[in-house]
């Protein structure tokens, strides 16, 4: 690649940088710790062997989660760009196309993720007077969302529209302030608040009547489940989605690190910090569910709505209505949900903005209020209406289970088998970092990862073809579900064909792979 200096009028602007390692780690944890940690992990663990699930979970973390996280870090940091730019520098136009596909995934996730933020922030306010009363499920789908029976019936719902507008304003203001003054500062404030608030919630839950029954339900091991392949797939799926890998976030965040930066050790902190929070969430959620089962005189296994939207907005409000001090408990839960969602939402939007700025030379504020404004309008039109819940559920399933998994499979095959960049990337990580990677890492990301993720992708597609998702109308699923994937592909093709504002190849990777840690004079700080 050329190292020729560009003329001033065509030189790309300097890249933003985190203030240091702590800022990067906290921001990366802020991205990884999101809604899925709180409402997905406990239910997945419970359904797949309880305490025994921790075995495939840890195996998946070590053999897929951390290796692919390191791959994202290596590409973003070595090639100093957003997903399309970094992958273009590594693997040409094919790589750029994969990068834009990741950006398009983030576009779809961003427009619905803010809706969940709006719901969580509304419920934070509702908690102070337990506004949902004795019928939490009916309040959520009826009084609050006013969900229509026909999925294409779209009428604006003011109770959703107003907080949705406010959440978009908060997100765009933070992003407009920049990487350090906006994104990093938000995470430095929000993540400690999230951890403290959730710890208080967990401690309170542990002293509720029936809490032990809930913990027994979660952690009692069913070792026979380890012989079921679907349990292992569930473990890899949980790790994969919870770490925010393979759809541009960690690649973009790594590109904001300084040249001489330790990459793998912070990666381990992020990975284990994320998993620790998931286990903490499992303890808090199931201790609370144990109390709920105790109040109703049933076993935890007889409860419904143990994960996802149902857990957060139907089951937990019903629990808060029955416990002493439920107002405070509800406020802590929905406050934590809002903070976790906001930091993840910011990271998703940063992928989009960084890519647009790199490709078209837009200023940060121009990208934030231009591109962000358009996405906000689309989000309001789709999710501020009576069909918002159905649309969210459908797009979320296709974007995560089809889009992100397909992105990971194609990216690893392109980078490690077609481009054969494994040695270069492992050398980059080992040269700069205290924790070295080698042949084991290459095996996990180039062989095990694509095989496991490919199997997940194929089985998911077969399942969606054979049986309509959630019993929804097949025509609706074809338009909103499969249509979302087609739009992602079309968008990535169009954006790849668009001209660059700056020459993406005017770049020299640093340091050369042949250098040793001693030669980098300070690497690892």
Protein backbone atom coordinates (compact mmCIF):
# COMPACT_ATOMS: atom_id res chain seq x y z
CA UNK A 1 0.00 0.00 0.00
CA UNK A 2 1.24 3.45 -0.84
CA UNK A 3 2.69 5.71 1.81
CA UNK A 4 2.84 8.79 -0.44
CA UNK A 5 1.81 11.98 1.31
CA UNK A 6 -1.44 13.38 -0.03
CA UNK A 7 -1.94 17.04 -0.97
CA UNK A 8 -3.48 19.07 1.84
CA UNK A 9 -6.75 19.58 0.00
CA UNK A 10 -7.26 15.82 -0.45
CA UNK A 11 -5.83 14.58 2.84
CA UNK A 12 -8.30 12.78 5.06
CA UNK A 13 -8.99 14.50 8.40
CA UNK A 14 -7.23 13.25 11.52
CA UNK A 15 -8.96 10.34 13.24
CA UNK A 16 -10.53 10.85 16.67
CA UNK A 17 -8.88 8.99 19.56
CA UNK A 18 -9.92 7.84 23.02
CA UNK A 19 -8.10 9.67 25.81
CA UNK A 20 -6.54 6.39 26.98
CA UNK A 21 -7.00 2.71 27.69
CA UNK A 22 -9.61 3.23 30.42
CA UNK A 23 -11.82 5.30 28.13
CA UNK A 24 -11.65 2.59 25.47
CA UNK A 25 -12.38 -0.25 27.91
CA UNK A 26 -15.34 1.51 29.53
CA UNK A 27 -16.79 2.48 26.13
CA UNK A 28 -16.36 -1.06 24.78
CA UNK A 29 -18.05 -2.49 27.88
CA UNK A 30 -20.81 0.08 27.42
CA UNK A 31 -21.41 -1.28 23.93
CA UNK A 32 -21.28 -4.95 24.95
CA UNK A 33 -23.46 -4.60 28.05
CA UNK A 34 -26.90 -3.98 26.64
CA UNK A 35 -30.49 -5.11 26.73
CA UNK A 36 -29.58 -8.71 25.87
CA UNK A 37 -27.46 -9.09 29.01
CA UNK A 38 -30.42 -8.27 31.22
CA UNK A 39 -33.36 -9.88 29.46
CA UNK A 40 -31.83 -12.61 27.25
CA UNK A 41 -29.05 -14.41 29.13
CA UNK A 42 -31.05 -15.52 32.22
CA UNK A 43 -33.79 -17.08 30.09
CA UNK A 44 -31.36 -18.75 27.68
CA UNK A 45 -29.38 -20.24 30.56
CA UNK A 46 -32.53 -21.50 32.28
CA UNK A 47 -33.84 -23.15 29.10
CA UNK A 48 -30.52 -24.83 28.26
CA UNK A 49 -29.37 -26.78 31.28
CA UNK A 50 -29.31 -24.20 34.08
CA UNK A 51 -25.97 -24.34 35.89
CA UNK A 52 -24.65 -26.83 33.34
CA UNK A 53 -25.12 -24.15 30.65
CA UNK A 54 -22.15 -22.29 32.11
CA UNK A 55 -19.86 -25.00 30.68
CA UNK A 56 -20.72 -24.46 26.99
CA UNK A 57 -21.06 -20.74 27.73
CA UNK A 58 -17.43 -20.50 28.93
CA UNK A 59 -16.23 -22.74 26.08
CA UNK A 60 -18.02 -20.48 23.59
CA UNK A 61 -16.52 -17.38 25.21
CA UNK A 62 -12.97 -18.75 24.92
CA UNK A 63 -13.24 -20.33 21.47
CA UNK A 64 -15.48 -17.87 19.60
CA UNK A 65 -16.33 -14.73 21.55
CA UNK A 66 -12.83 -13.58 22.50
CA UNK A 67 -11.14 -14.73 19.24
CA UNK A 68 -13.64 -12.88 17.01
CA UNK A 69 -13.47 -9.86 19.32
CA UNK A 70 -9.69 -9.87 18.81
CA UNK A 71 -10.23 -10.14 15.05
CA UNK A 72 -12.42 -7.04 15.07
CA UNK A 73 -9.84 -5.22 17.19
CA UNK A 74 -6.96 -6.22 14.92
CA UNK A 75 -8.68 -5.08 11.71
CA UNK A 76 -9.96 -1.80 13.13
CA UNK A 77 -6.73 -0.86 14.86
CA UNK A 78 -4.26 -1.91 12.15
CA UNK A 79 -6.19 -0.37 9.27
CA UNK A 80 -7.41 2.69 11.17
CA UNK A 81 -10.93 2.98 9.89
CA UNK A 82 -14.62 2.28 10.15
CA UNK A 83 -15.77 -1.16 9.03
CA UNK A 84 -15.96 -0.30 5.28
CA UNK A 85 -12.66 1.60 5.26
CA UNK A 86 -10.67 -0.89 7.33
CA UNK A 87 -11.96 -3.88 5.38
CA UNK A 88 -11.38 -2.04 2.08
CA UNK A 89 -7.74 -1.50 3.04
CA UNK A 90 -7.45 -5.15 4.01
CA UNK A 91 -9.47 -6.97 1.33
CA UNK A 92 -10.33 -4.52 -1.44
CA UNK A 93 -13.87 -3.92 -2.70
CA UNK A 94 -15.09 -7.29 -1.44
CA UNK A 95 -14.00 -6.30 2.05
CA UNK A 96 -15.62 -2.89 1.70
CA UNK A 97 -18.90 -4.53 0.70
CA UNK A 98 -18.81 -6.65 3.86
CA UNK A 99 -18.13 -3.51 5.87
CA UNK A 100 -21.12 -1.71 4.38
CA UNK A 101 -23.30 -4.75 5.06
CA UNK A 102 -22.31 -4.43 8.72
CA UNK A 103 -23.21 -0.75 8.59
CA UNK A 104 -26.62 -1.58 7.10
CA UNK A 105 -27.21 -4.06 9.93
CA UNK A 106 -26.55 -1.22 12.37
CA UNK A 107 -28.99 1.02 10.48
CA UNK A 108 -31.82 -1.45 11.03
CA UNK A 109 -30.87 -2.14 14.65
CA UNK A 110 -30.60 1.59 15.43
CA UNK A 111 -34.09 2.43 14.21
CA UNK A 112 -35.73 -0.16 16.48
CA UNK A 113 -33.28 -0.11 19.42
CA UNK A 114 -34.28 3.46 20.22
CA UNK A 115 -37.89 2.31 20.53
CA UNK A 116 -36.94 -0.05 23.35
CA UNK A 117 -35.08 2.84 25.00
CA UNK A 118 -38.25 4.90 24.76
CA UNK A 119 -40.26 2.12 26.41
CA UNK A 120 -37.67 1.65 29.18
CA UNK A 121 -37.47 5.38 29.93
CA UNK A 122 -41.27 5.61 30.01
CA UNK A 123 -41.46 2.68 32.43
CA UNK A 124 -38.81 4.34 34.59
CA UNK A 125 -41.28 7.19 35.07
CA UNK A 126 -44.25 4.82 35.42
CA UNK A 127 -42.42 2.97 38.22
CA UNK A 128 -42.85 5.78 40.72
CA UNK A 129 -46.62 5.25 40.89
CA UNK A 130 -46.73 1.67 39.49
CA UNK A 131 -48.96 2.97 36.74
CA UNK A 132 -49.48 -0.45 35.15
CA UNK A 133 -51.57 -1.56 38.13
CA UNK A 134 -52.56 -5.22 38.47
CA UNK A 135 -52.51 -6.02 34.73
CA UNK A 136 -48.97 -5.35 33.56
CA UNK A 137 -49.32 -7.30 30.31
CA UNK A 138 -52.57 -5.61 29.37
CA UNK A 139 -51.17 -2.19 30.20
CA UNK A 140 -48.09 -2.73 28.03
CA UNK A 141 -49.77 -4.01 24.87
CA UNK A 142 -53.03 -2.12 25.36
CA UNK A 143 -52.89 1.20 27.22
CA UNK A 144 -49.26 1.97 26.44
CA UNK A 145 -48.39 0.52 22.99
CA UNK A 146 -52.01 0.28 21.77
CA UNK A 147 -50.87 -2.68 19.65
CA UNK A 148 -52.99 -3.27 16.55
CA UNK A 149 -54.11 -6.77 15.62
CA UNK A 150 -53.27 -6.22 11.93
CA UNK A 151 -49.49 -5.69 11.57
CA UNK A 152 -49.80 -3.14 8.76
CA UNK A 153 -52.18 -0.94 10.76
CA UNK A 154 -50.07 2.10 11.59
CA UNK A 155 -51.46 4.89 13.76
CA UNK A 156 -49.24 7.13 15.85
CA UNK A 157 -49.27 6.55 19.61
CA UNK A 158 -48.38 9.77 21.51
CA UNK A 159 -47.32 7.89 24.67
CA UNK A 160 -44.61 6.14 22.62
CA UNK A 161 -43.86 8.90 20.11
CA UNK A 162 -42.88 11.54 22.67
CA UNK A 163 -40.26 9.49 24.60
CA UNK A 164 -38.99 8.15 21.25
CA UNK A 165 -38.32 11.72 20.09
CA UNK A 166 -36.57 12.48 23.40
CA UNK A 167 -34.34 9.40 23.14
CA UNK A 168 -33.28 10.34 19.62
CA UNK A 169 -32.47 13.87 20.77
CA UNK A 170 -30.30 12.53 23.63
CA UNK A 171 -28.49 10.10 21.32
CA UNK A 172 -27.80 12.71 18.62
CA UNK A 173 -26.60 15.32 21.12
CA UNK A 174 -24.15 12.82 22.66
CA UNK A 175 -22.89 11.71 19.24
CA UNK A 176 -22.62 15.30 18.01
CA UNK A 177 -20.29 16.13 20.92
CA UNK A 178 -17.67 13.74 19.52
CA UNK A 179 -15.87 10.54 20.43
CA UNK A 180 -14.27 11.85 23.62
CA UNK A 181 -16.58 14.62 24.81
CA UNK A 182 -19.71 12.70 23.85
CA UNK A 183 -19.35 8.92 23.54
CA UNK A 184 -16.55 8.38 26.06
CA UNK A 185 -17.93 10.86 28.59
CA UNK A 186 -21.38 9.26 28.50
CA UNK A 187 -19.93 5.80 29.10
CA UNK A 188 -17.67 6.99 31.93
CA UNK A 189 -20.79 8.27 33.71
CA UNK A 190 -23.39 5.69 32.67
CA UNK A 191 -21.46 2.42 33.21
CA UNK A 192 -20.57 3.05 36.89
CA UNK A 193 -24.17 4.15 37.52
CA UNK A 194 -25.45 1.03 35.78
CA UNK A 195 -23.25 -1.29 37.83
CA UNK A 196 -24.06 0.37 41.15
CA UNK A 197 -27.79 0.52 40.41
CA UNK A 198 -27.93 -3.09 39.30
CA UNK A 199 -25.94 -4.27 42.32
CA UNK A 200 -28.47 -2.59 44.61
CA UNK A 201 -31.28 -4.29 42.67
CA UNK A 202 -29.61 -7.72 42.95
CA UNK A 203 -28.95 -7.39 46.68
CA UNK A 204 -32.58 -6.41 47.25
CA UNK A 205 -33.77 -9.35 45.15
CA UNK A 206 -31.67 -11.84 47.13
CA UNK A 207 -33.55 -11.00 50.34
CA UNK A 208 -37.02 -11.49 48.87
CA UNK A 209 -39.10 -14.52 49.96
CA UNK A 210 -38.61 -17.33 47.45
CA UNK A 211 -35.37 -15.91 46.03
CA UNK A 212 -33.54 -19.17 46.75
CA UNK A 213 -36.09 -21.07 44.66
CA UNK A 214 -35.34 -18.82 41.72
CA UNK A 215 -31.59 -19.29 42.06
CA UNK A 216 -32.02 -23.05 42.34
CA UNK A 217 -34.06 -23.02 39.14
CA UNK A 218 -31.32 -21.09 37.34
CA UNK A 219 -28.22 -22.83 38.63
CA UNK A 220 -29.32 -26.43 39.28
CA UNK A 221 -27.30 -28.24 36.58
CA UNK A 222 -28.90 -30.53 34.03
CA UNK A 223 -25.77 -32.21 32.68
CA UNK A 224 -27.82 -34.31 30.27
CA UNK A 225 -28.45 -31.09 28.35
CA UNK A 226 -24.75 -30.97 27.41
CA UNK A 227 -25.40 -33.85 25.00
CA UNK A 228 -27.90 -31.70 23.07
CA UNK A 229 -26.24 -29.81 20.16
CA UNK A 230 -28.86 -27.05 20.39
CA UNK A 231 -27.59 -26.16 23.88
CA UNK A 232 -24.10 -25.57 22.52
CA UNK A 233 -25.50 -23.53 19.64
CA UNK A 234 -27.44 -21.45 22.18
CA UNK A 235 -24.22 -20.82 24.13
CA UNK A 236 -22.31 -19.69 21.04
CA UNK A 237 -25.27 -17.56 19.99
CA UNK A 238 -25.47 -15.82 23.37
CA UNK A 239 -21.75 -15.07 23.52
CA UNK A 240 -21.69 -13.91 19.93
CA UNK A 241 -24.55 -11.43 20.26
CA UNK A 242 -23.69 -10.14 23.72
CA UNK A 243 -20.12 -9.10 22.82
CA UNK A 244 -21.16 -6.81 19.91
CA UNK A 245 -18.83 -8.55 17.45
CA UNK A 246 -18.93 -8.85 13.64
CA UNK A 247 -21.15 -5.89 12.86
CA UNK A 248 -18.69 -3.03 12.98
CA UNK A 249 -18.85 -1.77 16.56
CA UNK A 250 -15.62 -3.16 17.99
CA UNK A 251 -13.81 -2.55 14.70
CA UNK A 252 -14.82 1.12 14.79
CA UNK A 253 -14.00 1.53 18.48
CA UNK A 254 -10.57 -0.08 17.98
CA UNK A 255 -9.81 2.39 15.18
CA UNK A 256 -10.00 5.21 17.76
CA UNK A 257 -7.16 3.72 19.80
CA UNK A 258 -3.70 5.28 19.59
CA UNK A 259 -1.07 3.62 17.42
CA UNK A 260 0.89 2.16 20.31
CA UNK A 261 -1.91 0.52 22.25
CA UNK A 262 -2.29 -2.78 24.02
CA UNK A 263 -5.25 -4.46 22.31
CA UNK A 264 -5.66 -7.99 23.67
CA UNK A 265 -5.52 -7.35 27.43
CA UNK A 266 -8.30 -4.72 27.26
CA UNK A 267 -10.20 -7.19 25.08
CA UNK A 268 -10.04 -9.77 27.86
CA UNK A 269 -11.27 -7.18 30.36
CA UNK A 270 -14.20 -6.30 28.09
CA UNK A 271 -15.11 -9.95 27.41
CA UNK A 272 -14.98 -11.11 31.02
CA UNK A 273 -16.59 -7.89 32.27
CA UNK A 274 -19.50 -8.45 29.89
CA UNK A 275 -19.93 -12.08 30.96
CA UNK A 276 -19.71 -11.13 34.65
CA UNK A 277 -22.54 -8.66 34.18
CA UNK A 278 -24.60 -11.34 32.41
CA UNK A 279 -24.21 -13.72 35.34
CA UNK A 280 -25.03 -10.89 37.77
CA UNK A 281 -28.17 -10.17 35.72
CA UNK A 282 -29.10 -13.86 35.87
CA UNK A 283 -28.83 -13.84 39.65
CA UNK A 284 -30.95 -10.71 40.01
CA UNK A 285 -33.61 -11.75 37.51
CA UNK A 286 -34.11 -15.27 38.82
CA UNK A 287 -34.06 -14.26 42.47
CA UNK A 288 -36.88 -11.90 41.56
CA UNK A 289 -38.73 -14.58 39.58
CA UNK A 290 -38.42 -16.88 42.59
CA UNK A 291 -40.26 -14.26 44.66
CA UNK A 292 -42.94 -13.97 41.97
CA UNK A 293 -43.47 -17.73 41.89
CA UNK A 294 -43.61 -17.79 45.69
CA UNK A 295 -46.30 -15.09 45.72
CA UNK A 296 -48.40 -17.03 43.21
CA UNK A 297 -47.85 -20.39 44.89
CA UNK A 298 -46.37 -21.99 41.75
CA UNK A 299 -42.96 -23.31 40.67
CA UNK A 300 -40.60 -21.07 38.74
CA UNK A 301 -40.91 -23.50 35.82
CA UNK A 302 -44.62 -22.66 35.60
CA UNK A 303 -44.01 -18.96 35.01
CA UNK A 304 -44.27 -17.48 31.53
CA UNK A 305 -42.32 -14.63 29.93
CA UNK A 306 -38.84 -15.48 31.22
CA UNK A 307 -36.88 -13.53 28.60
CA UNK A 308 -37.07 -10.72 26.09
CA UNK A 309 -39.70 -8.01 25.89
CA UNK A 310 -42.16 -10.09 27.93
CA UNK A 311 -39.72 -10.38 30.85
CA UNK A 312 -38.85 -6.69 30.90
CA UNK A 313 -42.20 -5.04 30.27
CA UNK A 314 -44.76 -7.59 31.48
CA UNK A 315 -43.26 -9.93 34.09
CA UNK A 316 -41.05 -7.44 35.96
CA UNK A 317 -43.74 -4.74 36.28
CA UNK A 318 -46.11 -7.42 37.63
CA UNK A 319 -43.45 -8.40 40.18
CA UNK A 320 -42.83 -4.80 41.23
CA UNK A 321 -46.56 -4.35 41.86
CA UNK A 322 -46.48 -7.20 44.41
CA UNK A 323 -43.35 -6.44 46.41
CA UNK A 324 -42.68 -3.99 49.24
CA UNK A 325 -40.95 -0.92 47.85
CA UNK A 326 -41.88 -1.96 44.33
CA UNK A 327 -41.66 1.65 43.14
CA UNK A 328 -37.93 1.83 43.93
CA UNK A 329 -37.29 -1.67 42.59
CA UNK A 330 -39.04 -0.82 39.31
CA UNK A 331 -37.17 2.47 38.97
CA UNK A 332 -33.83 0.71 39.51
CA UNK A 333 -34.64 -1.97 36.96
CA UNK A 334 -35.88 0.34 34.22
CA UNK A 335 -33.18 2.90 34.96
CA UNK A 336 -30.58 0.16 34.46
CA UNK A 337 -32.32 -0.97 31.28
CA UNK A 338 -32.28 2.58 29.93
CA UNK A 339 -28.59 3.15 30.70
CA UNK A 340 -27.55 -0.23 29.24
CA UNK A 341 -29.59 0.41 26.12
CA UNK A 342 -28.37 3.97 25.65
CA UNK A 343 -24.65 3.11 25.72
CA UNK A 344 -25.25 0.28 23.24
CA UNK A 345 -27.38 2.51 21.01
CA UNK A 346 -24.60 5.11 20.88
CA UNK A 347 -22.09 2.47 19.76
CA UNK A 348 -24.45 1.23 17.03
CA UNK A 349 -24.91 4.75 15.68
CA UNK A 350 -21.15 5.40 15.84
CA UNK A 351 -20.61 2.57 13.33
CA UNK A 352 -22.91 4.31 10.85
CA UNK A 353 -21.53 7.80 11.39
CA UNK A 354 -17.86 6.75 11.22
CA UNK A 355 -18.45 4.92 7.94
CA UNK A 356 -20.25 7.87 6.34
CA UNK A 357 -17.60 10.33 7.50
CA UNK A 358 -14.80 8.12 6.19
CA UNK A 359 -16.41 7.56 2.79
CA UNK A 360 -17.98 10.91 1.98
CA UNK A 361 -15.86 13.32 4.02
CA UNK A 362 -18.78 14.70 6.05
CA UNK A 363 -18.14 16.57 9.26
CA UNK A 364 -19.23 14.84 12.45
CA UNK A 365 -22.10 17.24 13.03
CA UNK A 366 -23.18 17.00 9.41
CA UNK A 367 -23.25 13.20 9.66
CA UNK A 368 -24.96 13.16 13.07
CA UNK A 369 -27.76 15.56 12.29
CA UNK A 370 -28.08 14.61 8.62
CA UNK A 371 -27.87 10.81 8.66
CA UNK A 372 -29.01 10.57 12.26
CA UNK A 373 -31.96 12.85 11.57
CA UNK A 374 -33.12 10.68 8.66
CA UNK A 375 -32.88 7.51 10.78
CA UNK A 376 -34.81 9.23 13.56
CA UNK A 377 -37.67 10.07 11.19
CA UNK A 378 -37.81 6.46 9.92
CA UNK A 379 -37.74 5.19 13.51
CA UNK A 380 -40.60 7.47 14.52
CA UNK A 381 -42.67 6.42 11.52
CA UNK A 382 -42.24 2.69 12.16
CA UNK A 383 -42.04 2.36 15.94
CA UNK A 384 -44.09 5.28 17.18
CA UNK A 385 -47.18 3.52 15.85
CA UNK A 386 -49.60 0.76 16.78
CA UNK A 387 -47.60 -1.82 14.78
CA UNK A 388 -44.28 -1.01 16.45
CA UNK A 389 -44.04 -4.13 18.63
CA UNK A 390 -44.55 -6.56 15.74
CA UNK A 391 -42.11 -4.70 13.49
CA UNK A 392 -39.49 -4.59 16.24
CA UNK A 393 -39.75 -8.30 16.99
CA UNK A 394 -39.46 -9.21 13.31
CA UNK A 395 -36.58 -6.92 12.34
CA UNK A 396 -34.67 -7.81 15.51
CA UNK A 397 -34.84 -11.52 14.70
CA UNK A 398 -33.72 -11.17 11.08
CA UNK A 399 -31.02 -8.56 11.75
CA UNK A 400 -29.42 -10.56 14.57
CA UNK A 401 -29.95 -14.20 13.64
CA UNK A 402 -29.48 -13.81 9.87
CA UNK A 403 -27.65 -10.52 9.25
CA UNK A 404 -24.99 -10.56 11.96
CA UNK A 405 -24.25 -14.29 11.72
CA UNK A 406 -23.96 -14.10 7.92
CA UNK A 407 -21.66 -11.08 8.28
CA UNK A 408 -19.38 -13.00 10.64
CA UNK A 409 -19.17 -16.05 8.39
CA UNK A 410 -18.43 -14.06 5.23
CA UNK A 411 -15.95 -11.75 6.99
CA UNK A 412 -13.89 -14.55 8.53
CA UNK A 413 -13.77 -16.51 5.26
CA UNK A 414 -12.82 -13.39 3.27
CA UNK A 415 -10.16 -12.12 5.67
CA UNK A 416 -8.62 -15.42 6.72
CA UNK A 417 -9.12 -17.73 3.72
CA UNK A 418 -9.31 -15.47 0.65
CA UNK A 419 -7.09 -12.59 1.80
CA UNK A 420 -5.01 -14.93 4.07
CA UNK A 421 -4.38 -12.12 6.54
CA UNK A 422 -4.29 -14.28 9.66
CA UNK A 423 -0.52 -14.06 10.18
CA UNK A 424 -0.52 -10.31 9.59
CA UNK A 425 -3.32 -9.69 12.07
CA UNK A 426 -2.01 -12.05 14.75
CA UNK A 427 1.40 -10.42 14.37
CA UNK A 428 -0.17 -7.00 14.82
CA UNK A 429 -1.92 -8.03 18.03
CA UNK A 430 1.12 -9.81 19.48
CA UNK A 431 3.54 -7.02 18.60
CA UNK A 432 1.55 -4.42 20.49
CA UNK A 433 -0.01 -6.42 23.32
CA UNK A 434 1.07 -8.15 26.51
CA UNK A 435 -1.25 -11.13 25.85
CA UNK A 436 0.02 -12.82 22.68
CA UNK A 437 -2.08 -14.69 20.13
CA UNK A 438 -0.88 -17.46 17.84
CA UNK A 439 -1.97 -20.68 16.18
CA UNK A 440 -4.79 -21.40 18.62
CA UNK A 441 -6.35 -18.01 17.85
CA UNK A 442 -5.97 -18.59 14.11
CA UNK A 443 -7.69 -21.96 14.40
CA UNK A 444 -10.60 -20.56 16.38
CA UNK A 445 -11.29 -17.62 14.04
CA UNK A 446 -10.54 -19.33 10.72
CA UNK A 447 -11.93 -22.83 11.29
CA UNK A 448 -14.05 -23.28 14.40
CA UNK A 449 -15.77 -19.90 14.17
CA UNK A 450 -16.99 -20.17 10.55
CA UNK A 451 -18.09 -23.80 11.07
CA UNK A 452 -20.15 -23.11 14.21
CA UNK A 453 -21.59 -19.84 12.92
CA UNK A 454 -22.30 -21.39 9.52
CA UNK A 455 -24.24 -24.19 11.21
CA UNK A 456 -26.19 -21.60 13.25
CA UNK A 457 -27.01 -19.65 10.08
CA UNK A 458 -28.21 -22.67 8.08
CA UNK A 459 -30.38 -24.07 10.89
CA UNK A 460 -31.90 -20.63 11.51
CA UNK A 461 -32.79 -20.13 7.86
CA UNK A 462 -34.32 -23.62 7.63
CA UNK A 463 -36.37 -22.96 10.75
CA UNK A 464 -37.68 -19.62 9.47
CA UNK A 465 -38.63 -21.15 6.12
CA UNK A 466 -40.39 -24.15 7.63
CA UNK A 467 -42.44 -22.30 10.24
CA UNK A 468 -43.61 -18.65 10.31
CA UNK A 469 -41.74 -16.74 13.00
CA UNK A 470 -43.90 -16.17 16.12
CA UNK A 471 -46.96 -17.20 14.11
CA UNK A 472 -46.92 -13.93 12.14
CA UNK A 473 -48.43 -13.64 8.67
CA UNK A 474 -46.06 -15.08 6.04
CA UNK A 475 -46.56 -12.09 3.75
CA UNK A 476 -45.61 -9.71 6.55
CA UNK A 477 -42.49 -11.75 7.35
CA UNK A 478 -41.49 -11.78 3.69
CA UNK A 479 -41.75 -7.98 3.45
CA UNK A 480 -40.41 -6.90 6.85
CA UNK A 481 -38.10 -9.84 7.72
CA UNK A 482 -36.56 -11.07 4.49
CA UNK A 483 -37.08 -7.64 2.96
CA UNK A 484 -34.79 -6.15 5.62
CA UNK A 485 -31.98 -8.50 4.56
CA UNK A 486 -32.49 -7.62 0.88
CA UNK A 487 -32.32 -3.90 1.71
CA UNK A 488 -29.10 -4.49 3.69
CA UNK A 489 -27.53 -6.27 0.71
CA UNK A 490 -28.72 -3.67 -1.81
CA UNK A 491 -27.52 -0.82 0.40
CA UNK A 492 -24.08 -2.37 0.80
CA UNK A 493 -23.74 -2.79 -2.99
CA UNK A 494 -24.76 0.82 -3.73
CA UNK A 495 -22.50 2.27 -1.05
CA UNK A 496 -19.54 0.15 -2.19
CA UNK A 497 -19.95 1.44 -5.74
CA UNK A 498 -20.08 5.09 -4.59
CA UNK A 499 -16.83 7.09 -4.98
CA UNK A 500 -14.61 7.86 -1.99
CA UNK A 501 -14.09 11.47 -0.96
CA UNK A 502 -10.50 10.58 -0.03
CA UNK A 503 -8.26 7.86 -1.42
CA UNK A 504 -8.77 4.90 0.95
CA UNK A 505 -5.45 3.33 -0.11
CA UNK A 506 -3.30 6.26 1.00
CA UNK A 507 -2.34 4.48 4.17
CA UNK A 508 0.56 2.59 5.76
CA UNK A 509 -0.22 0.02 8.49
CA UNK A 510 1.82 0.36 11.66
CA UNK A 511 3.80 -1.37 13.05
CA UNK A 512 5.25 -3.78 10.49
CA UNK A 513 4.59 -7.38 11.54
CA UNK A 514 8.30 -8.13 11.70
CA UNK A 515 8.86 -5.75 14.60
CA UNK A 516 9.15 -7.12 18.12
CA UNK A 517 7.57 -5.59 21.22
CA UNK A 518 10.93 -4.18 22.26
CA UNK A 519 11.31 -2.38 18.92
CA UNK A 520 7.98 -0.59 19.26
CA UNK A 521 9.39 1.38 22.25
CA UNK A 522 6.40 1.69 24.50
CA UNK A 523 3.90 -0.63 22.92
CA UNK A 524 1.36 -2.01 25.35
CA UNK A 525 0.60 1.18 27.20
